[in-house]
Every structure is written in structure tokens, then in C-alpha cells.
Amino acid sequence: MPYVLPVLLLAAATALILSAMYRSWRRRARGVVVTDLPALPAGSPAAPADPPVEGVYVSTTIAGRPWERVLAQGLGARSAVDIQVLPARAGLPGGVLLTRRGARDVFIPAGTIHDVHRASGMIGKVVDTDGLVVITWQVGETLLDTGLRTRYGADRARLHDRIHSLLVATGENANPEG
């Protein structure tokens, strides 16, 4: 019986800490203003010339701040992903389609992409030199960085180049060396 009071105090402290963590997580989800994400255009796009690239959706952060994860709209959920780069065709805008397993799919229209580069890490993942492909894009007034890790190292340069070709097609000035 002499341990009842310490056990109750420890349980109360644990409950208090978990409650504070949950409130903080919810506040962060509301803190970054991300309006509705762009929807995949009506009508199914033609199959891309290249097959999807398998990988991991690492996270989305505020552009330039790789340690500040965006939680709104499900963008903070790490998941397996199939990445398709869709060129503009027959009135359908081009873009990058991220088909995520266990999380909401994300479509990044080509016109919202500001840059594509490679990085060594962002929140939730630190990898070898230039192991992530990072897409800088805009939703509403907010610039975001979305990090992708390809399953196979040989796919990284090819994915970067395909996304960069969308920037060239839309007239954006992106970092060609990545």
C-alpha cells in the first residue's frame, strides 16, 4: 500500500503530459493556413509515359523551414507513395500526383510548383546526400516543401528531372542541378 500515492501521482502526471501533447498537436494543425488542397482535375488523365515511381512521402513543411511539419489537410502523415508526373494534355493541367497508402492523395498542379531540388533531410527523415526530392509549391498564400524519398536510388535523378520539366513547361525558374 505505500506505493499507491506515487503510482496515482505518476498516472496523473502521465495523463497531463499526454493531454498537453494532444492539445499542442491540434494547435499546430490549425496554425498553418492551408486551404483546400488542389483536386485532381475532372476526367481521368491519360496514363503517363513513365510508370509511377515508388517511394515514401516523408512530410510537408513550410518552405525553407524543414523542421516545421504541416499537419493540416493530412499533409503531416508519412506514408508509402506512388509518384506520377503528369504532363499537360488535352485540356488537363499537368502536375505531380502522389497516391498515398493509408493517407489522403495529393495533387500538385504544375502551375503551383516553384522549385524542385534534392536535400539530405527534413523533419522525420535524414538520409544520404541529396536522398530526398523536395517540391516547393504553393497552396493559397502558403509556400510548402513536400519531401519524397524514392524506393530505388536510381529513380531520384529521373524523378527530379521529370518534375523539373514541368517547371520548364510552365516557365518557372527552378534549380536545374537539384
C-alpha atoms as a PDB file:
ATOM      1  CA  MET A   1       0.000   0.000   0.000  1.00  0.00           C
ATOM      2  CA  PRO A   2       2.849   2.501   0.452  1.00  0.00           C
ATOM      3  CA  TYR A   3       3.149   2.789  -3.363  1.00  0.00           C
ATOM      4  CA  VAL A   4      -0.443   3.842  -4.053  1.00  0.00           C
ATOM      5  CA  LEU A   5       0.167   7.587  -3.770  1.00  0.00           C
ATOM      6  CA  PRO A   6       3.287   7.628  -6.018  1.00  0.00           C
ATOM      7  CA  VAL A   7       1.520   5.455  -8.615  1.00  0.00           C
ATOM      8  CA  LEU A   8      -1.511   7.777  -8.628  1.00  0.00           C
ATOM      9  CA  LEU A   9       0.751  10.840  -8.959  1.00  0.00           C
ATOM     10  CA  LEU A  10       2.653   9.217 -11.816  1.00  0.00           C
ATOM     11  CA  ALA A  11      -0.606   8.294 -13.589  1.00  0.00           C
ATOM     12  CA  ALA A  12      -1.924  11.849 -13.179  1.00  0.00           C
ATOM     13  CA  ALA A  13       1.339  13.339 -14.497  1.00  0.00           C
ATOM     14  CA  THR A  14       1.286  10.973 -17.494  1.00  0.00           C
ATOM     15  CA  ALA A  15      -2.320  11.897 -18.286  1.00  0.00           C
ATOM     16  CA  LEU A  16      -1.467  15.596 -18.024  1.00  0.00           C
ATOM     17  CA  ILE A  17       1.542  15.250 -20.344  1.00  0.00           C
ATOM     18  CA  LEU A  18      -0.436  13.253 -22.930  1.00  0.00           C
ATOM     19  CA  SER A  19      -3.238  15.814 -22.820  1.00  0.00           C
ATOM     20  CA  ALA A  20      -0.773  18.673 -23.362  1.00  0.00           C
ATOM     21  CA  MET A  21       0.834  16.826 -26.284  1.00  0.00           C
ATOM     22  CA  TYR A  22      -2.567  16.248 -27.902  1.00  0.00           C
ATOM     23  CA  ARG A  23      -3.588  19.915 -27.499  1.00  0.00           C
ATOM     24  CA  SER A  24      -0.260  21.051 -28.940  1.00  0.00           C
ATOM     25  CA  TRP A  25      -0.654  18.721 -31.948  1.00  0.00           C
ATOM     26  CA  ARG A  26      -4.165  20.055 -32.609  1.00  0.00           C
ATOM     27  CA  ARG A  27      -2.996  23.680 -32.277  1.00  0.00           C
ATOM     28  CA  ARG A  28      -0.180  23.054 -34.790  1.00  0.00           C
ATOM     29  CA  ALA A  29      -2.683  21.535 -37.224  1.00  0.00           C
ATOM     30  CA  ARG A  30      -4.708  24.758 -37.081  1.00  0.00           C
ATOM     31  CA  GLY A  31      -1.661  27.059 -37.004  1.00  0.00           C
ATOM     32  CA  VAL A  32      -0.624  26.787 -40.670  1.00  0.00           C
ATOM     33  CA  VAL A  33      -3.221  28.128 -43.047  1.00  0.00           C
ATOM     34  CA  VAL A  34      -3.625  25.577 -45.820  1.00  0.00           C
ATOM     35  CA  THR A  35      -6.841  25.949 -47.724  1.00  0.00           C
ATOM     36  CA  ASP A  36      -8.331  23.004 -49.538  1.00  0.00           C
ATOM     37  CA  LEU A  37      -5.729  21.109 -51.473  1.00  0.00           C
ATOM     38  CA  PRO A  38      -5.989  21.119 -55.267  1.00  0.00           C
ATOM     39  CA  ALA A  39      -8.170  18.318 -56.579  1.00  0.00           C
ATOM     40  CA  LEU A  40      -7.225  16.047 -59.428  1.00  0.00           C
ATOM     41  CA  PRO A  41      -8.889  17.562 -62.497  1.00  0.00           C
ATOM     42  CA  ALA A  42     -12.179  16.036 -63.599  1.00  0.00           C
ATOM     43  CA  GLY A  43     -11.728  13.359 -66.206  1.00  0.00           C
ATOM     44  CA  SER A  44      -9.027  10.814 -65.774  1.00  0.00           C
ATOM     45  CA  PRO A  45      -5.694  11.928 -67.106  1.00  0.00           C
ATOM     46  CA  ALA A  46      -4.074   9.845 -69.778  1.00  0.00           C
ATOM     47  CA  ALA A  47      -1.596   7.344 -68.483  1.00  0.00           C
ATOM     48  CA  PRO A  48       1.809   8.939 -68.100  1.00  0.00           C
ATOM     49  CA  ALA A  49       4.556   7.815 -70.453  1.00  0.00           C
ATOM     50  CA  ASP A  50       6.676   6.704 -67.499  1.00  0.00           C
ATOM     51  CA  PRO A  51       5.465   4.292 -64.818  1.00  0.00           C
ATOM     52  CA  PRO A  52       4.897   5.632 -61.290  1.00  0.00           C
ATOM     53  CA  VAL A  53       7.913   5.887 -59.016  1.00  0.00           C
ATOM     54  CA  GLU A  54       7.601   4.023 -55.721  1.00  0.00           C
ATOM     55  CA  GLY A  55       8.735   5.726 -52.576  1.00  0.00           C
ATOM     56  CA  VAL A  56       7.920   7.274 -49.235  1.00  0.00           C
ATOM     57  CA  TYR A  57       6.044  10.522 -48.715  1.00  0.00           C
ATOM     58  CA  VAL A  58       8.207  11.951 -45.936  1.00  0.00           C
ATOM     59  CA  SER A  59       6.336  15.093 -44.988  1.00  0.00           C
ATOM     60  CA  THR A  60       5.261  18.563 -45.978  1.00  0.00           C
ATOM     61  CA  THR A  61       6.792  21.540 -44.205  1.00  0.00           C
ATOM     62  CA  ILE A  62       6.612  25.300 -44.561  1.00  0.00           C
ATOM     63  CA  ALA A  63       9.017  26.242 -47.370  1.00  0.00           C
ATOM     64  CA  GLY A  64      12.506  26.918 -46.120  1.00  0.00           C
ATOM     65  CA  ARG A  65      11.756  25.553 -42.648  1.00  0.00           C
ATOM     66  CA  PRO A  66      12.466  21.800 -42.890  1.00  0.00           C
ATOM     67  CA  TRP A  67      11.716  21.150 -39.215  1.00  0.00           C
ATOM     68  CA  GLU A  68       8.219  22.704 -39.159  1.00  0.00           C
ATOM     69  CA  ARG A  69       5.801  19.989 -40.267  1.00  0.00           C
ATOM     70  CA  VAL A  70       2.415  20.972 -41.725  1.00  0.00           C
ATOM     71  CA  LEU A  71      -0.332  18.858 -40.164  1.00  0.00           C
ATOM     72  CA  ALA A  72      -3.363  20.446 -41.837  1.00  0.00           C
ATOM     73  CA  GLN A  73      -5.194  18.501 -44.551  1.00  0.00           C
ATOM     74  CA  GLY A  74      -3.349  15.286 -43.638  1.00  0.00           C
ATOM     75  CA  LEU A  75      -0.052  16.595 -45.017  1.00  0.00           C
ATOM     76  CA  GLY A  76       1.855  15.513 -41.913  1.00  0.00           C
ATOM     77  CA  ALA A  77       1.145  11.804 -42.335  1.00  0.00           C
ATOM     78  CA  ARG A  78       4.137   9.798 -43.525  1.00  0.00           C
ATOM     79  CA  SER A  79       3.159   7.047 -45.945  1.00  0.00           C
ATOM     80  CA  ALA A  80       4.167   4.853 -48.842  1.00  0.00           C
ATOM     81  CA  VAL A  81       3.533   6.652 -52.126  1.00  0.00           C
ATOM     82  CA  ASP A  82       3.373   6.128 -55.868  1.00  0.00           C
ATOM     83  CA  ILE A  83       4.568   9.292 -57.610  1.00  0.00           C
ATOM     84  CA  GLN A  84       3.289  10.135 -61.090  1.00  0.00           C
ATOM     85  CA  VAL A  85       4.437  13.143 -63.084  1.00  0.00           C
ATOM     86  CA  LEU A  86       1.564  14.034 -65.415  1.00  0.00           C
ATOM     87  CA  PRO A  87       2.263  16.264 -68.409  1.00  0.00           C
ATOM     88  CA  ALA A  88      -0.479  18.651 -69.524  1.00  0.00           C
ATOM     89  CA  ARG A  89      -2.678  17.011 -72.154  1.00  0.00           C
ATOM     90  CA  ALA A  90      -5.999  17.648 -73.852  1.00  0.00           C
ATOM     91  CA  GLY A  91      -7.062  20.495 -71.600  1.00  0.00           C
ATOM     92  CA  LEU A  92      -5.972  18.750 -68.399  1.00  0.00           C
ATOM     93  CA  PRO A  93      -3.295  20.517 -66.372  1.00  0.00           C
ATOM     94  CA  GLY A  94      -0.059  18.702 -65.707  1.00  0.00           C
ATOM     95  CA  GLY A  95       1.257  18.109 -62.253  1.00  0.00           C
ATOM     96  CA  VAL A  96       2.519  15.607 -59.735  1.00  0.00           C
ATOM     97  CA  LEU A  97       0.093  13.039 -58.366  1.00  0.00           C
ATOM     98  CA  LEU A  98       1.035  11.468 -55.041  1.00  0.00           C
ATOM     99  CA  THR A  99      -1.060   8.354 -54.465  1.00  0.00           C
ATOM    100  CA  ARG A 100      -0.532   7.609 -50.791  1.00  0.00           C
ATOM    101  CA  ARG A 101      -1.385   4.397 -48.982  1.00  0.00           C
ATOM    102  CA  GLY A 102      -3.321   4.989 -45.786  1.00  0.00           C
ATOM    103  CA  ALA A 103      -3.474   8.755 -46.268  1.00  0.00           C
ATOM    104  CA  ARG A 104      -5.133  11.338 -48.497  1.00  0.00           C
ATOM    105  CA  ASP A 105      -3.770  11.562 -52.057  1.00  0.00           C
ATOM    106  CA  VAL A 106      -2.156  14.853 -53.024  1.00  0.00           C
ATOM    107  CA  PHE A 107      -2.201  16.512 -56.465  1.00  0.00           C
ATOM    108  CA  ILE A 108       0.336  19.269 -57.061  1.00  0.00           C
ATOM    109  CA  PRO A 109      -0.623  21.211 -60.224  1.00  0.00           C
ATOM    110  CA  ALA A 110       2.345  22.198 -62.366  1.00  0.00           C
ATOM    111  CA  GLY A 111       1.390  25.865 -62.141  1.00  0.00           C
ATOM    112  CA  THR A 112       1.796  25.870 -58.345  1.00  0.00           C
ATOM    113  CA  ILE A 113       5.305  24.394 -58.354  1.00  0.00           C
ATOM    114  CA  HIS A 114       8.012  26.983 -57.678  1.00  0.00           C
ATOM    115  CA  ASP A 115      11.061  24.746 -57.391  1.00  0.00           C
ATOM    116  CA  VAL A 116      12.286  21.183 -57.206  1.00  0.00           C
ATOM    117  CA  HIS A 117      15.558  20.273 -55.557  1.00  0.00           C
ATOM    118  CA  ARG A 118      17.266  17.497 -53.679  1.00  0.00           C
ATOM    119  CA  ALA A 119      18.066  17.559 -49.989  1.00  0.00           C
ATOM    120  CA  SER A 120      19.620  15.433 -47.282  1.00  0.00           C
ATOM    121  CA  GLY A 121      16.725  15.647 -44.871  1.00  0.00           C
ATOM    122  CA  MET A 122      13.641  17.226 -43.438  1.00  0.00           C
ATOM    123  CA  ILE A 123      11.555  16.513 -40.373  1.00  0.00           C
ATOM    124  CA  GLY A 124      11.100  12.803 -39.899  1.00  0.00           C
ATOM    125  CA  LYS A 125      13.840  11.710 -42.287  1.00  0.00           C
ATOM    126  CA  VAL A 126      17.577  12.294 -42.594  1.00  0.00           C
ATOM    127  CA  VAL A 127      19.202  10.442 -45.466  1.00  0.00           C
ATOM    128  CA  ASP A 128      22.343  10.352 -47.552  1.00  0.00           C
ATOM    129  CA  THR A 129      23.405  13.392 -49.568  1.00  0.00           C
ATOM    130  CA  ASP A 130      20.603  14.508 -51.906  1.00  0.00           C
ATOM    131  CA  GLY A 131      18.498  11.488 -50.921  1.00  0.00           C
ATOM    132  CA  LEU A 132      15.176  13.381 -50.936  1.00  0.00           C
ATOM    133  CA  VAL A 133      13.373  15.051 -53.811  1.00  0.00           C
ATOM    134  CA  VAL A 134      11.747  18.208 -52.414  1.00  0.00           C
ATOM    135  CA  ILE A 135       8.988  20.017 -54.299  1.00  0.00           C
ATOM    136  CA  THR A 136       8.348  23.645 -53.340  1.00  0.00           C
ATOM    137  CA  TRP A 137       4.762  24.550 -54.217  1.00  0.00           C
ATOM    138  CA  GLN A 138       2.068  26.997 -53.231  1.00  0.00           C
ATOM    139  CA  VAL A 139      -1.358  26.447 -51.697  1.00  0.00           C
ATOM    140  CA  GLY A 140      -3.237  29.724 -51.278  1.00  0.00           C
ATOM    141  CA  GLU A 141      -0.730  32.159 -49.782  1.00  0.00           C
ATOM    142  CA  THR A 142       1.445  29.455 -48.230  1.00  0.00           C
ATOM    143  CA  LEU A 143       4.634  28.066 -49.784  1.00  0.00           C
ATOM    144  CA  LEU A 144       5.226  24.430 -48.873  1.00  0.00           C
ATOM    145  CA  ASP A 145       8.050  21.915 -49.268  1.00  0.00           C
ATOM    146  CA  THR A 146       6.995  18.310 -49.832  1.00  0.00           C
ATOM    147  CA  GLY A 147       9.717  15.702 -49.377  1.00  0.00           C
ATOM    148  CA  LEU A 148       9.753  12.403 -51.237  1.00  0.00           C
ATOM    149  CA  ARG A 149      12.190   9.519 -50.857  1.00  0.00           C
ATOM    150  CA  THR A 150      12.269   7.149 -53.817  1.00  0.00           C
ATOM    151  CA  ARG A 151      12.467   3.447 -53.134  1.00  0.00           C
ATOM    152  CA  TYR A 152      15.361   2.998 -55.538  1.00  0.00           C
ATOM    153  CA  GLY A 153      18.260   5.444 -55.654  1.00  0.00           C
ATOM    154  CA  ALA A 154      18.363   5.358 -59.455  1.00  0.00           C
ATOM    155  CA  ASP A 155      14.858   6.867 -59.571  1.00  0.00           C
ATOM    156  CA  ARG A 156      15.799  10.074 -57.705  1.00  0.00           C
ATOM    157  CA  ALA A 157      17.544  11.890 -60.547  1.00  0.00           C
ATOM    158  CA  ARG A 158      14.913  10.775 -63.048  1.00  0.00           C
ATOM    159  CA  LEU A 159      12.051  11.957 -60.815  1.00  0.00           C
ATOM    160  CA  HIS A 160      13.781  15.293 -60.213  1.00  0.00           C
ATOM    161  CA  ASP A 161      14.284  15.770 -63.965  1.00  0.00           C
ATOM    162  CA  ARG A 162      10.662  14.889 -64.786  1.00  0.00           C
ATOM    163  CA  ILE A 163       9.329  17.385 -62.240  1.00  0.00           C
ATOM    164  CA  HIS A 164      11.825  19.985 -63.435  1.00  0.00           C
ATOM    165  CA  SER A 165      10.481  19.507 -66.985  1.00  0.00           C
ATOM    166  CA  LEU A 166       7.048  20.601 -65.668  1.00  0.00           C
ATOM    167  CA  LEU A 167       8.661  23.811 -64.402  1.00  0.00           C
ATOM    168  CA  VAL A 168      10.298  24.446 -67.762  1.00  0.00           C
ATOM    169  CA  ALA A 169       6.948  23.872 -69.484  1.00  0.00           C
ATOM    170  CA  THR A 170       5.206  26.372 -67.187  1.00  0.00           C
ATOM    171  CA  GLY A 171       8.027  28.929 -67.416  1.00  0.00           C
ATOM    172  CA  GLU A 172       9.128  28.756 -63.759  1.00  0.00           C
ATOM    173  CA  ASN A 173      12.803  29.220 -62.977  1.00  0.00           C
ATOM    174  CA  ALA A 174      13.937  26.207 -60.987  1.00  0.00           C
ATOM    175  CA  ASN A 175      17.289  24.933 -59.851  1.00  0.00           C
ATOM    176  CA  PRO A 176      18.414  22.674 -62.708  1.00  0.00           C
ATOM    177  CA  GLU A 177      21.190  20.979 -60.740  1.00  0.00           C
ATOM    178  CA  GLY A 178      18.837  19.875 -57.939  1.00  0.00           C
END
